[in-house]
Amino acid sequence: MAEPAATLEKRGCVALITLNRPAAMNAVNGALSAAVGEALAELDADDDLRVGIITGRGRAFCAGADLKALGAGEDLMAEGHPEWGFAGFIDHDVRKPVIAAVNGIALGGGAEIVLRSDLAVMGDEASLGLPEVARGFFAAAGGLIMLPRQVPAKIAMEAALSGQPISAADALRWGLVNRVVPTTDVLDVALALAATIGAHAPLAVMASKRLVQRSSGSGSDWDAAVWQLNSELAADLIGSDDAREGMTAFAEKRPPRWTGK
């Protein structure tokens, strides 16, 4: 029986999603897209899960699209779920934070998974790259849209046109990742970061993620629609059980007991 193309392991409040095609450097085919998409859907639906981590098994994080599958005419998307996008991840609207634990090379679509993640921990020997121009194409899973929003324009242009990889040190320098650590520590550091986030009020974390996403995509911090969303989210939270619990726990000098309500 074939192993699943991606696995989901629940570690307390953390959903650990592992790309599981090490022989193919975790390249994305339809099976992997479906498995990742299903794992993310479970992360969002399970109230006991508060943070997701996505990583790769073996020496690669993800080498991008499975070119052999593509050349054979196979669909790389999750069957029945085109709305999830490439790798079941790129267009998947996940309410909860997702951390990329970049344990090895992340090329093409693999780099795009990192760009789409909310946070990233990267091994010091890993690298990111968009090499599609060397193969007659371009980073069509959103890489050329996301990258210029995260780094200066000329840095993004060089990465897009040269196809050369970005080292872990440069990825940290340009703010593409939050931490660079020895490769053997990547998952542990990602789990520690997830535990820090997961200890906070779930509704507040999800609202914070949504507002940061929307505001970073707006044209200005004077954007009326963003301020409207800010007001709506604040109004929703102030009446929540978690907000009351947070204030009560502070007054009583004890750890809060979140219910996500």
C-alpha atoms as a PDB file:
ATOM      1  CA  MET A   1       0.000   0.000   0.000  1.00  0.00           C
ATOM      2  CA  ALA A   2       1.431   3.367  -1.059  1.00  0.00           C
ATOM      3  CA  GLU A   3       2.233   5.904   1.625  1.00  0.00           C
ATOM      4  CA  PRO A   4       0.167   9.126   1.651  1.00  0.00           C
ATOM      5  CA  ALA A   5       1.699  12.016  -0.279  1.00  0.00           C
ATOM      6  CA  ALA A   6       1.396  14.207   2.822  1.00  0.00           C
ATOM      7  CA  THR A   7       0.640  13.377   6.437  1.00  0.00           C
ATOM      8  CA  LEU A   8      -1.068  15.155   9.325  1.00  0.00           C
ATOM      9  CA  GLU A   9       0.141  14.635  12.884  1.00  0.00           C
ATOM     10  CA  LYS A  10      -1.575  16.353  15.805  1.00  0.00           C
ATOM     11  CA  ARG A  11       0.839  17.555  18.480  1.00  0.00           C
ATOM     12  CA  GLY A  12      -1.293  19.239  21.101  1.00  0.00           C
ATOM     13  CA  CYS A  13      -2.749  22.350  19.483  1.00  0.00           C
ATOM     14  CA  VAL A  14      -0.405  22.059  16.477  1.00  0.00           C
ATOM     15  CA  ALA A  15      -1.172  20.352  13.159  1.00  0.00           C
ATOM     16  CA  LEU A  16       2.115  19.100  11.710  1.00  0.00           C
ATOM     17  CA  ILE A  17       1.712  18.625   7.949  1.00  0.00           C
ATOM     18  CA  THR A  18       4.610  16.773   6.314  1.00  0.00           C
ATOM     19  CA  LEU A  19       5.115  16.566   2.556  1.00  0.00           C
ATOM     20  CA  ASN A  20       5.832  12.879   2.103  1.00  0.00           C
ATOM     21  CA  ARG A  21       7.351  12.226  -1.308  1.00  0.00           C
ATOM     22  CA  PRO A  22      11.050  12.215  -0.349  1.00  0.00           C
ATOM     23  CA  ALA A  23      12.147  10.176  -3.379  1.00  0.00           C
ATOM     24  CA  ALA A  24      10.737  12.951  -5.596  1.00  0.00           C
ATOM     25  CA  MET A  25      12.058  15.717  -3.302  1.00  0.00           C
ATOM     26  CA  ASN A  26       8.454  16.294  -2.251  1.00  0.00           C
ATOM     27  CA  ALA A  27       7.508  17.552  -5.709  1.00  0.00           C
ATOM     28  CA  VAL A  28       3.851  18.458  -6.044  1.00  0.00           C
ATOM     29  CA  ASN A  29       1.460  16.128  -7.860  1.00  0.00           C
ATOM     30  CA  GLY A  30      -2.295  15.755  -7.580  1.00  0.00           C
ATOM     31  CA  ALA A  31      -2.061  13.362  -4.640  1.00  0.00           C
ATOM     32  CA  LEU A  32       0.114  15.737  -2.637  1.00  0.00           C
ATOM     33  CA  SER A  33      -2.200  18.669  -3.393  1.00  0.00           C
ATOM     34  CA  ALA A  34      -5.186  16.663  -2.198  1.00  0.00           C
ATOM     35  CA  ALA A  35      -3.458  15.468   0.975  1.00  0.00           C
ATOM     36  CA  VAL A  36      -2.232  18.942   1.925  1.00  0.00           C
ATOM     37  CA  GLY A  37      -5.592  20.528   1.145  1.00  0.00           C
ATOM     38  CA  GLU A  38      -7.408  17.978   3.283  1.00  0.00           C
ATOM     39  CA  ALA A  39      -4.966  18.503   6.163  1.00  0.00           C
ATOM     40  CA  LEU A  40      -5.457  22.274   6.040  1.00  0.00           C
ATOM     41  CA  ALA A  41      -9.225  21.820   5.987  1.00  0.00           C
ATOM     42  CA  GLU A  42      -8.933  19.650   9.101  1.00  0.00           C
ATOM     43  CA  LEU A  43      -6.722  22.263  10.781  1.00  0.00           C
ATOM     44  CA  ASP A  44      -9.377  24.907  10.212  1.00  0.00           C
ATOM     45  CA  ALA A  45     -12.283  22.684  11.272  1.00  0.00           C
ATOM     46  CA  ASP A  46     -10.785  21.238  14.480  1.00  0.00           C
ATOM     47  CA  ASP A  47     -11.225  23.619  17.426  1.00  0.00           C
ATOM     48  CA  ASP A  48      -8.437  21.842  19.307  1.00  0.00           C
ATOM     49  CA  LEU A  49      -5.927  22.773  16.581  1.00  0.00           C
ATOM     50  CA  ARG A  50      -4.720  26.360  16.615  1.00  0.00           C
ATOM     51  CA  VAL A  51      -1.564  26.485  14.457  1.00  0.00           C
ATOM     52  CA  GLY A  52      -0.290  24.567  11.445  1.00  0.00           C
ATOM     53  CA  ILE A  53       3.269  23.701  10.456  1.00  0.00           C
ATOM     54  CA  ILE A  54       4.181  22.521   6.967  1.00  0.00           C
ATOM     55  CA  THR A  55       7.512  20.791   6.374  1.00  0.00           C
ATOM     56  CA  GLY A  56       9.105  18.181   4.129  1.00  0.00           C
ATOM     57  CA  ARG A  57      10.314  14.653   4.741  1.00  0.00           C
ATOM     58  CA  GLY A  58      13.873  13.927   3.695  1.00  0.00           C
ATOM     59  CA  ARG A  59      16.460  16.360   2.397  1.00  0.00           C
ATOM     60  CA  ALA A  60      14.102  18.726   0.569  1.00  0.00           C
ATOM     61  CA  PHE A  61      11.258  20.941   1.681  1.00  0.00           C
ATOM     62  CA  CYS A  62       9.658  20.917  -1.767  1.00  0.00           C
ATOM     63  CA  ALA A  63      11.208  20.933  -5.236  1.00  0.00           C
ATOM     64  CA  GLY A  64       8.113  22.481  -6.822  1.00  0.00           C
ATOM     65  CA  ALA A  65       5.862  20.977  -9.464  1.00  0.00           C
ATOM     66  CA  ASP A  66       6.362  17.333 -10.393  1.00  0.00           C
ATOM     67  CA  LEU A  67       7.559  17.861 -13.962  1.00  0.00           C
ATOM     68  CA  LYS A  68       7.268  14.160 -14.786  1.00  0.00           C
ATOM     69  CA  ALA A  69       3.602  14.176 -13.778  1.00  0.00           C
ATOM     70  CA  LEU A  70       3.067  17.424 -15.663  1.00  0.00           C
ATOM     71  CA  GLY A  71       4.750  16.034 -18.759  1.00  0.00           C
ATOM     72  CA  ALA A  72       2.515  12.975 -18.591  1.00  0.00           C
ATOM     73  CA  GLY A  73      -0.541  15.222 -18.703  1.00  0.00           C
ATOM     74  CA  GLU A  74      -1.522  14.704 -15.061  1.00  0.00           C
ATOM     75  CA  ASP A  75      -3.436  17.388 -13.172  1.00  0.00           C
ATOM     76  CA  LEU A  76      -1.388  18.738 -10.272  1.00  0.00           C
ATOM     77  CA  MET A  77      -4.416  20.179  -8.474  1.00  0.00           C
ATOM     78  CA  ALA A  78      -6.496  18.414  -5.813  1.00  0.00           C
ATOM     79  CA  GLU A  79      -9.355  16.630  -7.541  1.00  0.00           C
ATOM     80  CA  GLY A  80     -12.625  18.404  -6.848  1.00  0.00           C
ATOM     81  CA  HIS A  81     -10.970  21.344  -5.098  1.00  0.00           C
ATOM     82  CA  PRO A  82      -9.583  23.837  -7.616  1.00  0.00           C
ATOM     83  CA  GLU A  83     -10.205  26.577  -5.041  1.00  0.00           C
ATOM     84  CA  TRP A  84      -7.304  25.233  -2.944  1.00  0.00           C
ATOM     85  CA  GLY A  85      -4.812  26.086  -5.681  1.00  0.00           C
ATOM     86  CA  PHE A  86      -1.329  24.690  -6.220  1.00  0.00           C
ATOM     87  CA  ALA A  87      -0.209  22.119  -3.625  1.00  0.00           C
ATOM     88  CA  GLY A  88      -3.649  22.385  -2.011  1.00  0.00           C
ATOM     89  CA  PHE A  89      -2.142  25.417  -0.290  1.00  0.00           C
ATOM     90  CA  ILE A  90      -1.566  28.539  -2.382  1.00  0.00           C
ATOM     91  CA  ASP A  91      -5.208  29.641  -2.708  1.00  0.00           C
ATOM     92  CA  HIS A  92      -6.468  27.836   0.402  1.00  0.00           C
ATOM     93  CA  ASP A  93      -8.077  30.401   2.715  1.00  0.00           C
ATOM     94  CA  VAL A  94      -6.956  29.086   6.099  1.00  0.00           C
ATOM     95  CA  ARG A  95      -8.084  31.070   9.151  1.00  0.00           C
ATOM     96  CA  LYS A  96      -5.366  29.746  11.451  1.00  0.00           C
ATOM     97  CA  PRO A  97      -1.651  30.596  11.213  1.00  0.00           C
ATOM     98  CA  VAL A  98       0.599  28.304   9.189  1.00  0.00           C
ATOM     99  CA  ILE A  99       4.364  28.160   9.697  1.00  0.00           C
ATOM    100  CA  ALA A 100       6.707  26.824   6.998  1.00  0.00           C
ATOM    101  CA  ALA A 101       9.498  24.717   8.536  1.00  0.00           C
ATOM    102  CA  VAL A 102      11.952  24.839   5.628  1.00  0.00           C
ATOM    103  CA  ASN A 103      14.200  21.840   6.180  1.00  0.00           C
ATOM    104  CA  GLY A 104      15.846  21.850   2.728  1.00  0.00           C
ATOM    105  CA  ILE A 105      15.631  23.349  -0.729  1.00  0.00           C
ATOM    106  CA  ALA A 106      12.389  25.094  -1.638  1.00  0.00           C
ATOM    107  CA  LEU A 107      12.308  25.616  -5.390  1.00  0.00           C
ATOM    108  CA  GLY A 108       9.565  26.903  -7.684  1.00  0.00           C
ATOM    109  CA  GLY A 109       6.275  25.900  -6.119  1.00  0.00           C
ATOM    110  CA  GLY A 110       8.145  25.000  -2.933  1.00  0.00           C
ATOM    111  CA  ALA A 111       9.346  28.600  -2.609  1.00  0.00           C
ATOM    112  CA  GLU A 112       5.783  29.736  -3.316  1.00  0.00           C
ATOM    113  CA  ILE A 113       4.524  27.638  -0.385  1.00  0.00           C
ATOM    114  CA  VAL A 114       7.037  29.454   1.833  1.00  0.00           C
ATOM    115  CA  LEU A 115       5.962  32.836   0.446  1.00  0.00           C
ATOM    116  CA  ARG A 116       2.300  32.023   1.110  1.00  0.00           C
ATOM    117  CA  SER A 117       2.939  30.788   4.671  1.00  0.00           C
ATOM    118  CA  ASP A 118       2.305  33.220   7.516  1.00  0.00           C
ATOM    119  CA  LEU A 119       5.693  32.623   9.149  1.00  0.00           C
ATOM    120  CA  ALA A 120       8.789  30.628   8.255  1.00  0.00           C
ATOM    121  CA  VAL A 121      11.694  28.939  10.029  1.00  0.00           C
ATOM    122  CA  MET A 122      14.525  27.991   7.662  1.00  0.00           C
ATOM    123  CA  GLY A 123      17.527  25.719   7.931  1.00  0.00           C
ATOM    124  CA  ASP A 124      20.879  27.450   7.472  1.00  0.00           C
ATOM    125  CA  GLU A 125      21.776  25.159   4.571  1.00  0.00           C
ATOM    126  CA  ALA A 126      18.410  25.533   2.808  1.00  0.00           C
ATOM    127  CA  SER A 127      17.628  27.905  -0.047  1.00  0.00           C
ATOM    128  CA  LEU A 128      14.663  29.378  -1.901  1.00  0.00           C
ATOM    129  CA  GLY A 129      14.465  29.802  -5.647  1.00  0.00           C
ATOM    130  CA  LEU A 130      12.198  30.454  -8.611  1.00  0.00           C
ATOM    131  CA  PRO A 131      14.058  28.650 -11.415  1.00  0.00           C
ATOM    132  CA  GLU A 132      11.117  28.419 -13.841  1.00  0.00           C
ATOM    133  CA  VAL A 133      12.683  30.784 -16.420  1.00  0.00           C
ATOM    134  CA  ALA A 134      15.398  28.169 -16.976  1.00  0.00           C
ATOM    135  CA  ARG A 135      12.674  25.755 -18.065  1.00  0.00           C
ATOM    136  CA  GLY A 136      10.780  28.097 -20.347  1.00  0.00           C
ATOM    137  CA  PHE A 137       8.117  29.184 -17.902  1.00  0.00           C
ATOM    138  CA  PHE A 138       7.622  31.487 -14.899  1.00  0.00           C
ATOM    139  CA  ALA A 139       6.556  31.093 -11.260  1.00  0.00           C
ATOM    140  CA  ALA A 140       2.853  30.857 -12.025  1.00  0.00           C
ATOM    141  CA  ALA A 141       1.606  29.782  -8.579  1.00  0.00           C
ATOM    142  CA  GLY A 142       1.806  33.364  -7.379  1.00  0.00           C
ATOM    143  CA  GLY A 143       5.534  33.671  -6.770  1.00  0.00           C
ATOM    144  CA  LEU A 144       5.909  36.753  -8.944  1.00  0.00           C
ATOM    145  CA  ILE A 145       2.951  38.360  -7.187  1.00  0.00           C
ATOM    146  CA  MET A 146       3.927  37.528  -3.609  1.00  0.00           C
ATOM    147  CA  LEU A 147       7.705  38.047  -3.801  1.00  0.00           C
ATOM    148  CA  PRO A 148       7.631  41.757  -4.807  1.00  0.00           C
ATOM    149  CA  ARG A 149       5.288  42.423  -1.874  1.00  0.00           C
ATOM    150  CA  GLN A 150       7.791  40.920   0.556  1.00  0.00           C
ATOM    151  CA  VAL A 151      11.168  42.209  -0.684  1.00  0.00           C
ATOM    152  CA  PRO A 152      12.446  45.282  -2.560  1.00  0.00           C
ATOM    153  CA  ALA A 153      11.561  45.348  -6.264  1.00  0.00           C
ATOM    154  CA  LYS A 154      15.072  44.810  -7.614  1.00  0.00           C
ATOM    155  CA  ILE A 155      15.674  41.847  -5.322  1.00  0.00           C
ATOM    156  CA  ALA A 156      12.438  40.282  -6.554  1.00  0.00           C
ATOM    157  CA  MET A 157      13.329  41.056 -10.165  1.00  0.00           C
ATOM    158  CA  GLU A 158      16.741  39.417  -9.879  1.00  0.00           C
ATOM    159  CA  ALA A 159      15.227  36.295  -8.326  1.00  0.00           C
ATOM    160  CA  ALA A 160      12.578  36.139 -11.063  1.00  0.00           C
ATOM    161  CA  LEU A 161      14.879  36.774 -14.022  1.00  0.00           C
ATOM    162  CA  SER A 162      18.048  34.960 -12.948  1.00  0.00           C
ATOM    163  CA  GLY A 163      16.395  31.895 -11.475  1.00  0.00           C
ATOM    164  CA  GLN A 164      19.229  31.790  -8.948  1.00  0.00           C
ATOM    165  CA  PRO A 165      18.477  30.612  -5.401  1.00  0.00           C
ATOM    166  CA  ILE A 166      18.267  32.867  -2.360  1.00  0.00           C
ATOM    167  CA  SER A 167      20.387  31.630   0.536  1.00  0.00           C
ATOM    168  CA  ALA A 168      19.014  31.251   4.035  1.00  0.00           C
ATOM    169  CA  ALA A 169      21.103  34.212   5.192  1.00  0.00           C
ATOM    170  CA  ASP A 170      19.704  36.431   2.428  1.00  0.00           C
ATOM    171  CA  ALA A 171      16.172  35.167   3.020  1.00  0.00           C
ATOM    172  CA  LEU A 172      16.501  36.301   6.640  1.00  0.00           C
ATOM    173  CA  ARG A 173      18.123  39.575   5.602  1.00  0.00           C
ATOM    174  CA  TRP A 174      15.227  40.421   3.293  1.00  0.00           C
ATOM    175  CA  GLY A 175      12.532  39.326   5.720  1.00  0.00           C
ATOM    176  CA  LEU A 176      11.354  36.271   3.789  1.00  0.00           C
ATOM    177  CA  VAL A 177      11.725  34.106   6.899  1.00  0.00           C
ATOM    178  CA  ASN A 178      11.480  34.730  10.644  1.00  0.00           C
ATOM    179  CA  ARG A 179      14.296  32.492  11.854  1.00  0.00           C
ATOM    180  CA  VAL A 180      17.366  30.771  10.386  1.00  0.00           C
ATOM    181  CA  VAL A 181      18.650  27.893  12.511  1.00  0.00           C
ATOM    182  CA  PRO A 182      20.712  24.727  12.049  1.00  0.00           C
ATOM    183  CA  THR A 183      18.777  22.307   9.857  1.00  0.00           C
ATOM    184  CA  THR A 184      18.486  19.788  12.677  1.00  0.00           C
ATOM    185  CA  ASP A 185      16.681  22.416  14.790  1.00  0.00           C
ATOM    186  CA  VAL A 186      14.167  23.628  12.197  1.00  0.00           C
ATOM    187  CA  LEU A 187      11.193  21.594  13.346  1.00  0.00           C
ATOM    188  CA  ASP A 188      11.851  22.144  17.057  1.00  0.00           C
ATOM    189  CA  VAL A 189      12.066  25.910  16.581  1.00  0.00           C
ATOM    190  CA  ALA A 190       8.921  25.909  14.448  1.00  0.00           C
ATOM    191  CA  LEU A 191       7.089  23.889  17.114  1.00  0.00           C
ATOM    192  CA  ALA A 192       8.224  26.327  19.810  1.00  0.00           C
ATOM    193  CA  LEU A 193       6.969  29.268  17.752  1.00  0.00           C
ATOM    194  CA  ALA A 194       3.680  27.452  17.166  1.00  0.00           C
ATOM    195  CA  ALA A 195       3.362  26.768  20.904  1.00  0.00           C
ATOM    196  CA  THR A 196       3.814  30.469  21.666  1.00  0.00           C
ATOM    197  CA  ILE A 197       1.065  31.398  19.205  1.00  0.00           C
ATOM    198  CA  GLY A 198      -1.166  28.507  20.255  1.00  0.00           C
ATOM    199  CA  ALA A 199      -1.091  29.649  23.887  1.00  0.00           C
ATOM    200  CA  HIS A 200      -2.994  32.820  22.979  1.00  0.00           C
ATOM    201  CA  ALA A 201      -6.719  33.365  22.488  1.00  0.00           C
ATOM    202  CA  PRO A 202      -7.747  31.505  19.303  1.00  0.00           C
ATOM    203  CA  LEU A 203     -10.275  34.092  18.126  1.00  0.00           C
ATOM    204  CA  ALA A 204      -7.800  36.913  18.657  1.00  0.00           C
ATOM    205  CA  VAL A 205      -5.070  35.052  16.755  1.00  0.00           C
ATOM    206  CA  MET A 206      -7.355  34.383  13.789  1.00  0.00           C
ATOM    207  CA  ALA A 207      -8.607  37.967  13.749  1.00  0.00           C
ATOM    208  CA  SER A 208      -5.017  39.262  13.905  1.00  0.00           C
ATOM    209  CA  LYS A 209      -3.978  37.062  10.984  1.00  0.00           C
ATOM    210  CA  ARG A 210      -6.922  38.218   8.896  1.00  0.00           C
ATOM    211  CA  LEU A 211      -6.294  41.906   9.560  1.00  0.00           C
ATOM    212  CA  VAL A 212      -2.556  41.691   8.829  1.00  0.00           C
ATOM    213  CA  GLN A 213      -3.324  39.892   5.551  1.00  0.00           C
ATOM    214  CA  ARG A 214      -5.917  42.433   4.452  1.00  0.00           C
ATOM    215  CA  SER A 215      -3.905  45.483   5.487  1.00  0.00           C
ATOM    216  CA  SER A 216      -0.724  44.258   3.786  1.00  0.00           C
ATOM    217  CA  GLY A 217      -2.707  43.875   0.559  1.00  0.00           C
ATOM    218  CA  SER A 218      -4.228  47.355   0.692  1.00  0.00           C
ATOM    219  CA  GLY A 219      -2.773  50.387  -1.008  1.00  0.00           C
ATOM    220  CA  SER A 220      -2.453  52.561   2.084  1.00  0.00           C
ATOM    221  CA  ASP A 221      -2.895  52.555   5.847  1.00  0.00           C
ATOM    222  CA  TRP A 222      -5.630  55.129   5.171  1.00  0.00           C
ATOM    223  CA  ASP A 223      -7.651  52.503   3.262  1.00  0.00           C
ATOM    224  CA  ALA A 224     -11.233  52.844   4.542  1.00  0.00           C
ATOM    225  CA  ALA A 225     -12.071  49.182   3.910  1.00  0.00           C
ATOM    226  CA  VAL A 226      -9.204  48.035   6.141  1.00  0.00           C
ATOM    227  CA  TRP A 227     -10.277  50.339   8.951  1.00  0.00           C
ATOM    228  CA  GLN A 228     -13.825  49.075   8.590  1.00  0.00           C
ATOM    229  CA  LEU A 229     -12.584  45.500   8.944  1.00  0.00           C
ATOM    230  CA  ASN A 230     -10.514  46.565  11.957  1.00  0.00           C
ATOM    231  CA  SER A 231     -13.641  47.949  13.631  1.00  0.00           C
ATOM    232  CA  GLU A 232     -15.733  44.881  12.794  1.00  0.00           C
ATOM    233  CA  LEU A 233     -13.161  42.434  14.137  1.00  0.00           C
ATOM    234  CA  ALA A 234     -12.676  44.480  17.311  1.00  0.00           C
ATOM    235  CA  ALA A 235     -16.437  44.617  17.910  1.00  0.00           C
ATOM    236  CA  ASP A 236     -16.722  40.852  17.450  1.00  0.00           C
ATOM    237  CA  LEU A 237     -13.878  40.128  19.850  1.00  0.00           C
ATOM    238  CA  ILE A 238     -14.795  42.515  22.642  1.00  0.00           C
ATOM    239  CA  GLY A 239     -17.987  40.587  23.318  1.00  0.00           C
ATOM    240  CA  SER A 240     -16.375  37.158  23.186  1.00  0.00           C
ATOM    241  CA  ASP A 241     -15.953  34.774  26.110  1.00  0.00           C
ATOM    242  CA  ASP A 242     -12.204  34.750  25.447  1.00  0.00           C
ATOM    243  CA  ALA A 243     -11.927  38.534  25.785  1.00  0.00           C
ATOM    244  CA  ARG A 244     -13.758  38.414  29.115  1.00  0.00           C
ATOM    245  CA  GLU A 245     -11.601  35.476  30.226  1.00  0.00           C
ATOM    246  CA  GLY A 246      -8.430  37.347  29.278  1.00  0.00           C
ATOM    247  CA  MET A 247      -9.364  40.344  31.425  1.00  0.00           C
ATOM    248  CA  THR A 248     -10.571  38.160  34.308  1.00  0.00           C
ATOM    249  CA  ALA A 249      -7.414  36.014  34.262  1.00  0.00           C
ATOM    250  CA  PHE A 250      -5.262  39.154  34.279  1.00  0.00           C
ATOM    251  CA  ALA A 251      -7.132  40.547  37.279  1.00  0.00           C
ATOM    252  CA  GLU A 252      -6.929  37.214  39.101  1.00  0.00           C
ATOM    253  CA  LYS A 253      -3.234  36.783  38.215  1.00  0.00           C
ATOM    254  CA  ARG A 254      -3.681  33.344  36.665  1.00  0.00           C
ATOM    255  CA  PRO A 255      -3.196  31.819  33.200  1.00  0.00           C
ATOM    256  CA  PRO A 256      -6.255  32.274  30.964  1.00  0.00           C
ATOM    257  CA  ARG A 257      -8.399  29.302  29.987  1.00  0.00           C
ATOM    258  CA  TRP A 258      -9.378  29.875  26.369  1.00  0.00           C
ATOM    259  CA  THR A 259     -12.495  28.333  24.849  1.00  0.00           C
ATOM    260  CA  GLY A 260     -12.345  29.879  21.374  1.00  0.00           C
ATOM    261  CA  LYS A 261     -15.801  31.402  21.901  1.00  0.00           C
END
